[in-house]
Amino acid sequence: MAEKSYLSLPKAAFAEDFLVSRLVPDDFQTENRFTRTPKILFTLGEEPEPVKSISYHTDDTKLYSAIRAALHPDKFQELRNSKLEVFLKFKELNFGWTSRLVHFILCFKIHIKKKYELWCLVGPEPARFSLIEFEHLTGLNRDYVKNLENSRCEVTEETTTFWQLLGVGIDAGPTTEKIITTCKRCAEWSRDDRMRLVYLAIFTGFIEGRKFSIVTRASLARLVMNLKEIENYPWRRVTFKVLMNSLWNKDLTKSYTIYGFVQAIQVWLYYALSEFGAEYGHPVQNKASPSLLAYNGGT
């Protein structure tokens, strides 16, 4: 969308077939005590221009190629049909990331007290990006478990052996760089160990989405040892928390990095502004499921 101001976005074109909450949050701050006008981060017209493109790490072509190379075609197809399929299928869309659009909507963030909800002024109305909207987008498992981010998996002899194959200490998680390198030398591994490796790749590269050289959390990485349960873990909550923790109190006036699956915010905006999404989001021809796969992105 060449040089067109995002201020000209349609004002009330919310999609009717998707849950985009427009109810004003109870705890939002107002401009003053006499008005119900939501207080946003920056005065209208004074939003900071992006210093450069938002840095993010959930679109690694090398990682996707490494996953494919690590598995035989039948096992890769099995992975594409698993409960974590959305990350691989999203990568296959070649989604057009639009940093400027995401930066723009973040500048219209409404001040609220809740850390795990993002409210933005979209046109004249506030719109919510919460765990509920994230569930509709991704279709990831939503079950509740205690100690979500500290699974306390028992370190067994099998765990120790697998971590030795990875070449990392038992108390550490691998980096994305380490996983890509390991995928190139796993041809002689058992099928189960190769599946564990690619589940680790999905966790580090799409769910955590941190810098390629940063180690992932061992407490969650060890979940790959149980191949029957790894798919059913509530990854929706984990993925969402990583993203929202990264967005919390982010300084938008400087160059910044967002960890986690940040592309979900761009797709959410296409739904929140359906006319804009239809014109600039390049929707796919057939109805996609989950909803995250409905747009090819770009502006």
Protein backbone atom coordinates (compact mmCIF):
# COMPACT_ATOMS: atom_id res chain seq x y z
CA MET A 1 0.00 0.00 0.00
CA ALA A 2 2.28 2.71 -1.31
CA GLU A 3 2.63 5.66 1.06
CA LYS A 4 -1.04 5.44 2.00
CA SER A 5 -1.70 6.49 5.59
CA TYR A 6 -3.14 3.79 7.81
CA LEU A 7 -5.34 6.53 9.29
CA SER A 8 -7.58 6.01 6.28
CA LEU A 9 -8.46 2.47 7.38
CA PRO A 10 -12.21 1.75 7.23
CA LYS A 11 -13.83 2.77 10.51
CA ALA A 12 -16.35 0.06 11.36
CA ALA A 13 -15.80 -2.82 9.01
CA PHE A 14 -15.55 -5.62 11.55
CA ALA A 15 -15.89 -9.18 10.33
CA GLU A 16 -19.16 -10.73 11.46
CA ASP A 17 -17.97 -14.34 11.28
CA PHE A 18 -15.06 -13.94 13.65
CA LEU A 19 -14.88 -13.12 17.31
CA VAL A 20 -13.38 -9.63 17.56
CA SER A 21 -14.54 -8.09 20.79
CA ARG A 22 -15.52 -4.43 20.58
CA LEU A 23 -16.75 -4.06 24.15
CA VAL A 24 -14.93 -1.34 26.05
CA PRO A 25 -12.71 -2.93 28.74
CA ASP A 26 -13.74 -2.24 32.33
CA ASP A 27 -10.33 -1.05 33.46
CA PHE A 28 -9.28 1.20 30.58
CA GLN A 29 -7.86 4.60 31.38
CA THR A 30 -9.51 7.73 30.00
CA GLU A 31 -8.08 11.00 28.77
CA ASN A 32 -9.61 12.77 31.79
CA ARG A 33 -12.24 12.14 34.46
CA PHE A 34 -15.01 13.83 32.45
CA THR A 35 -14.83 11.62 29.36
CA ARG A 36 -15.01 7.97 28.41
CA THR A 37 -12.56 8.46 25.54
CA PRO A 38 -9.91 5.74 25.85
CA LYS A 39 -6.39 6.91 26.57
CA ILE A 40 -4.01 5.60 23.91
CA LEU A 41 -0.22 5.55 23.90
CA PHE A 42 0.26 8.52 21.59
CA THR A 43 -1.76 11.59 20.65
CA LEU A 44 -3.50 11.20 17.30
CA GLY A 45 -1.15 12.35 14.59
CA GLU A 46 1.93 12.12 16.81
CA GLU A 47 2.54 8.39 16.51
CA PRO A 48 6.25 7.60 16.14
CA GLU A 49 7.40 6.53 12.71
CA PRO A 50 9.01 3.09 12.85
CA VAL A 51 12.79 3.46 13.11
CA LYS A 52 13.12 0.30 11.07
CA SER A 53 11.26 -2.96 10.56
CA ILE A 54 10.19 -4.78 13.72
CA SER A 55 12.65 -7.56 14.45
CA TYR A 56 11.08 -10.99 14.92
CA HIS A 57 12.22 -14.62 14.62
CA THR A 58 9.23 -16.78 13.66
CA ASP A 59 9.77 -16.89 9.91
CA ASP A 60 12.93 -18.95 9.54
CA THR A 61 13.04 -20.67 6.18
CA LYS A 62 16.18 -22.57 7.18
CA LEU A 63 14.36 -24.05 10.16
CA TYR A 64 11.39 -25.15 8.05
CA SER A 65 13.70 -26.73 5.49
CA ALA A 66 15.58 -28.51 8.28
CA ILE A 67 12.31 -29.94 9.64
CA ARG A 68 11.41 -31.32 6.21
CA ALA A 69 14.85 -32.79 5.73
CA ALA A 70 14.81 -34.50 9.14
CA LEU A 71 11.70 -36.58 8.40
CA HIS A 72 10.67 -39.07 5.76
CA PRO A 73 7.73 -37.78 3.67
CA ASP A 74 5.17 -39.94 5.50
CA LYS A 75 6.27 -38.67 8.93
CA PHE A 76 6.33 -35.08 7.70
CA GLN A 77 2.75 -35.46 6.45
CA GLU A 78 1.83 -36.90 9.83
CA LEU A 79 3.32 -33.80 11.45
CA ARG A 80 1.34 -31.55 9.08
CA ASN A 81 -1.84 -33.28 10.25
CA SER A 82 -0.99 -33.00 13.94
CA LYS A 83 -2.42 -30.53 16.44
CA LEU A 84 0.61 -28.30 15.82
CA GLU A 85 -0.01 -28.20 12.08
CA VAL A 86 -0.88 -24.51 12.07
CA PHE A 87 2.75 -23.40 12.39
CA LEU A 88 3.97 -25.43 9.41
CA LYS A 89 1.00 -24.57 7.21
CA PHE A 90 1.35 -20.90 8.07
CA LYS A 91 5.00 -21.00 7.02
CA GLU A 92 3.96 -22.64 3.75
CA LEU A 93 1.72 -19.64 2.97
CA ASN A 94 4.82 -17.45 2.54
CA PHE A 95 2.91 -14.89 4.56
CA GLY A 96 3.67 -11.27 3.76
CA TRP A 97 4.79 -9.70 7.04
CA THR A 98 3.96 -5.98 7.21
CA SER A 99 5.98 -4.47 10.02
CA ARG A 100 4.65 -0.95 9.46
CA LEU A 101 1.04 -2.09 9.85
CA VAL A 102 1.71 -3.94 13.10
CA HIS A 103 3.68 -0.97 14.45
CA PHE A 104 0.84 1.35 13.52
CA ILE A 105 -1.82 -0.61 15.42
CA LEU A 106 0.44 -1.00 18.46
CA CYS A 107 0.72 2.78 18.62
CA PHE A 108 -3.06 2.85 19.17
CA LYS A 109 -2.84 0.57 22.18
CA ILE A 110 -5.28 1.53 24.94
CA HIS A 111 -3.99 1.82 28.50
CA ILE A 112 -5.45 -1.02 30.58
CA LYS A 113 -4.23 -2.89 33.65
CA LYS A 114 -4.52 -6.40 32.25
CA LYS A 115 -1.17 -7.67 31.01
CA TYR A 116 -2.58 -10.49 28.92
CA GLU A 117 -5.03 -8.47 26.83
CA LEU A 118 -4.15 -6.09 24.04
CA TRP A 119 -6.77 -3.41 23.34
CA CYS A 120 -6.24 -1.10 20.38
CA LEU A 121 -8.32 1.73 18.99
CA VAL A 122 -9.30 0.47 15.54
CA GLY A 123 -11.14 3.28 13.80
CA PRO A 124 -13.53 4.77 16.38
CA GLU A 125 -13.89 1.58 18.42
CA PRO A 126 -11.61 -0.46 20.70
CA ALA A 127 -10.84 -4.02 19.62
CA ARG A 128 -9.45 -6.78 21.80
CA PHE A 129 -6.67 -9.26 21.14
CA SER A 130 -6.81 -11.79 23.96
CA LEU A 131 -6.44 -15.50 24.59
CA ILE A 132 -9.95 -15.95 23.18
CA GLU A 133 -9.13 -14.33 19.83
CA PHE A 134 -5.81 -16.15 19.74
CA GLU A 135 -7.63 -19.46 20.16
CA HIS A 136 -9.94 -18.71 17.24
CA LEU A 137 -6.96 -17.78 15.10
CA THR A 138 -4.68 -20.73 15.82
CA GLY A 139 -6.96 -23.59 16.88
CA LEU A 140 -4.29 -24.67 19.39
CA ASN A 141 -5.22 -26.71 22.45
CA ARG A 142 -6.76 -24.58 25.19
CA ASP A 143 -6.75 -26.98 28.15
CA TYR A 144 -5.67 -25.71 31.53
CA VAL A 145 -2.75 -27.23 33.44
CA LYS A 146 -1.00 -26.15 36.60
CA ASN A 147 2.61 -25.00 36.32
CA LEU A 148 2.08 -24.22 32.66
CA GLU A 149 5.62 -23.05 31.98
CA ASN A 150 7.35 -25.35 34.44
CA SER A 151 6.19 -28.80 33.46
CA ARG A 152 8.63 -30.58 35.82
CA CYS A 153 9.23 -33.46 33.42
CA GLU A 154 11.20 -36.25 35.01
CA VAL A 155 14.74 -36.54 33.71
CA THR A 156 14.98 -40.21 32.74
CA GLU A 157 17.81 -42.18 31.19
CA GLU A 158 16.04 -41.78 27.84
CA THR A 159 15.97 -38.01 28.33
CA THR A 160 19.68 -37.92 29.13
CA THR A 161 20.48 -40.00 26.04
CA PHE A 162 18.43 -37.75 23.77
CA TRP A 163 20.02 -34.59 25.17
CA GLN A 164 23.42 -36.16 24.50
CA LEU A 165 22.35 -36.67 20.89
CA LEU A 166 21.48 -32.97 20.74
CA GLY A 167 24.87 -32.09 22.17
CA VAL A 168 23.56 -29.85 24.96
CA GLY A 169 23.69 -30.11 28.73
CA ILE A 170 20.78 -31.81 30.49
CA ASP A 171 19.80 -28.58 32.26
CA ALA A 172 19.77 -26.52 29.08
CA GLY A 173 17.51 -26.22 26.09
CA PRO A 174 18.85 -26.08 22.53
CA THR A 175 18.99 -22.96 20.39
CA THR A 176 17.32 -22.72 17.00
CA GLU A 177 20.78 -22.65 15.43
CA LYS A 178 21.66 -25.89 17.23
CA ILE A 179 18.47 -27.58 16.05
CA ILE A 180 19.07 -26.62 12.40
CA THR A 181 22.59 -28.03 12.60
CA THR A 182 21.38 -31.20 14.33
CA CYS A 183 18.73 -31.83 11.67
CA LYS A 184 21.53 -32.25 9.15
CA ARG A 185 23.06 -35.17 11.07
CA CYS A 186 20.01 -37.03 12.36
CA ALA A 187 19.52 -39.42 9.43
CA GLU A 188 20.57 -42.45 11.48
CA TRP A 189 18.45 -41.56 14.50
CA SER A 190 15.35 -43.55 15.39
CA ARG A 191 12.01 -42.29 14.09
CA ASP A 192 10.96 -41.28 17.59
CA ASP A 193 14.09 -39.25 18.18
CA ARG A 194 13.68 -37.46 14.84
CA MET A 195 10.08 -36.63 15.75
CA ARG A 196 11.29 -35.26 19.10
CA LEU A 197 13.80 -33.13 17.24
CA VAL A 198 11.21 -31.56 14.94
CA TYR A 199 8.82 -30.91 17.83
CA LEU A 200 11.70 -29.08 19.49
CA ALA A 201 12.16 -27.11 16.27
CA ILE A 202 8.50 -26.04 16.32
CA PHE A 203 8.75 -25.06 19.98
CA THR A 204 11.92 -23.01 19.62
CA GLY A 205 11.22 -21.51 16.20
CA PHE A 206 7.49 -20.77 16.27
CA ILE A 207 6.20 -20.89 19.85
CA GLU A 208 9.07 -19.18 21.67
CA GLY A 209 10.37 -17.35 18.60
CA ARG A 210 13.44 -15.94 20.29
CA LYS A 211 16.74 -14.95 18.72
CA PHE A 212 18.32 -17.91 16.95
CA SER A 213 21.27 -18.05 19.37
CA ILE A 214 19.22 -17.95 22.60
CA VAL A 215 18.64 -21.26 24.37
CA THR A 216 15.04 -22.30 24.90
CA ARG A 217 13.56 -23.31 28.25
CA ALA A 218 14.58 -26.84 29.21
CA SER A 219 11.48 -27.32 31.40
CA LEU A 220 9.22 -27.09 28.34
CA ALA A 221 11.68 -28.53 25.84
CA ARG A 222 11.67 -31.83 27.76
CA LEU A 223 7.99 -32.30 26.92
CA VAL A 224 9.10 -33.73 23.58
CA MET A 225 10.13 -36.92 25.35
CA ASN A 226 6.47 -37.95 25.55
CA LEU A 227 5.33 -38.07 21.94
CA LYS A 228 1.79 -39.05 22.94
CA GLU A 229 1.30 -35.94 25.07
CA ILE A 230 3.37 -33.30 23.30
CA GLU A 231 0.57 -32.42 20.84
CA ASN A 232 -2.04 -32.14 23.58
CA TYR A 233 -0.13 -29.70 25.75
CA PRO A 234 -1.92 -26.31 26.00
CA TRP A 235 0.43 -24.59 23.54
CA ARG A 236 -2.15 -21.88 22.92
CA ARG A 237 -1.53 -20.49 26.41
CA VAL A 238 2.24 -20.88 26.16
CA THR A 239 2.44 -19.24 22.72
CA PHE A 240 0.14 -16.40 23.72
CA LYS A 241 2.02 -15.67 26.96
CA VAL A 242 5.36 -15.50 25.15
CA LEU A 243 3.94 -12.95 22.73
CA MET A 244 2.16 -10.82 25.32
CA ASN A 245 5.13 -10.80 27.69
CA SER A 246 7.24 -9.48 24.84
CA LEU A 247 4.72 -6.75 24.01
CA TRP A 248 4.30 -5.57 27.60
CA ASN A 249 5.60 -1.98 28.05
CA LYS A 250 7.39 -2.12 24.71
CA ASP A 251 9.10 1.17 23.79
CA LEU A 252 7.73 1.90 20.32
CA THR A 253 9.86 5.01 19.80
CA LYS A 254 13.01 2.96 19.23
CA SER A 255 14.01 -0.11 17.26
CA TYR A 256 12.47 -3.13 18.94
CA THR A 257 12.14 -6.90 18.79
CA ILE A 258 9.01 -8.95 19.44
CA TYR A 259 9.36 -12.54 20.58
CA GLY A 260 6.67 -15.13 19.92
CA PHE A 261 4.24 -15.63 17.07
CA VAL A 262 3.71 -11.95 16.29
CA GLN A 263 2.22 -12.55 12.82
CA ALA A 264 -1.03 -13.46 14.62
CA ILE A 265 -1.55 -9.76 15.39
CA GLN A 266 -1.39 -8.85 11.71
CA VAL A 267 -3.94 -11.55 10.82
CA TRP A 268 -6.17 -10.44 13.72
CA LEU A 269 -6.16 -6.92 12.30
CA TYR A 270 -7.30 -8.22 8.91
CA TYR A 271 -10.29 -9.76 10.68
CA ALA A 272 -10.95 -6.69 12.80
CA LEU A 273 -11.00 -4.57 9.64
CA SER A 274 -12.53 -6.97 7.15
CA GLU A 275 -12.73 -4.47 4.26
CA PHE A 276 -9.06 -3.60 4.72
CA GLY A 277 -8.17 -7.30 4.99
CA ALA A 278 -10.14 -8.14 1.85
CA GLU A 279 -8.36 -5.44 -0.15
CA TYR A 280 -4.83 -5.60 1.23
CA GLY A 281 -4.48 -8.88 3.16
CA HIS A 282 -4.69 -11.13 0.09
CA PRO A 283 -7.26 -13.58 1.46
CA VAL A 284 -6.97 -17.19 0.33
CA GLN A 285 -9.56 -18.45 -2.12
CA ASN A 286 -11.04 -21.25 -0.01
CA LYS A 287 -12.25 -20.98 3.57
CA ALA A 288 -9.24 -21.81 5.71
CA SER A 289 -9.08 -23.59 9.03
CA PRO A 290 -7.79 -22.54 11.44
CA SER A 291 -8.50 -18.88 10.80
CA LEU A 292 -4.82 -17.90 10.91
CA LEU A 293 -4.44 -19.44 7.44
CA ALA A 294 -7.10 -17.27 5.78
CA TYR A 295 -4.74 -14.51 4.57
CA ASN A 296 -1.50 -14.44 2.64
CA GLY A 297 -0.58 -11.09 4.20
CA GLY A 298 1.00 -7.98 2.80
CA THR A 299 -0.60 -4.61 2.10
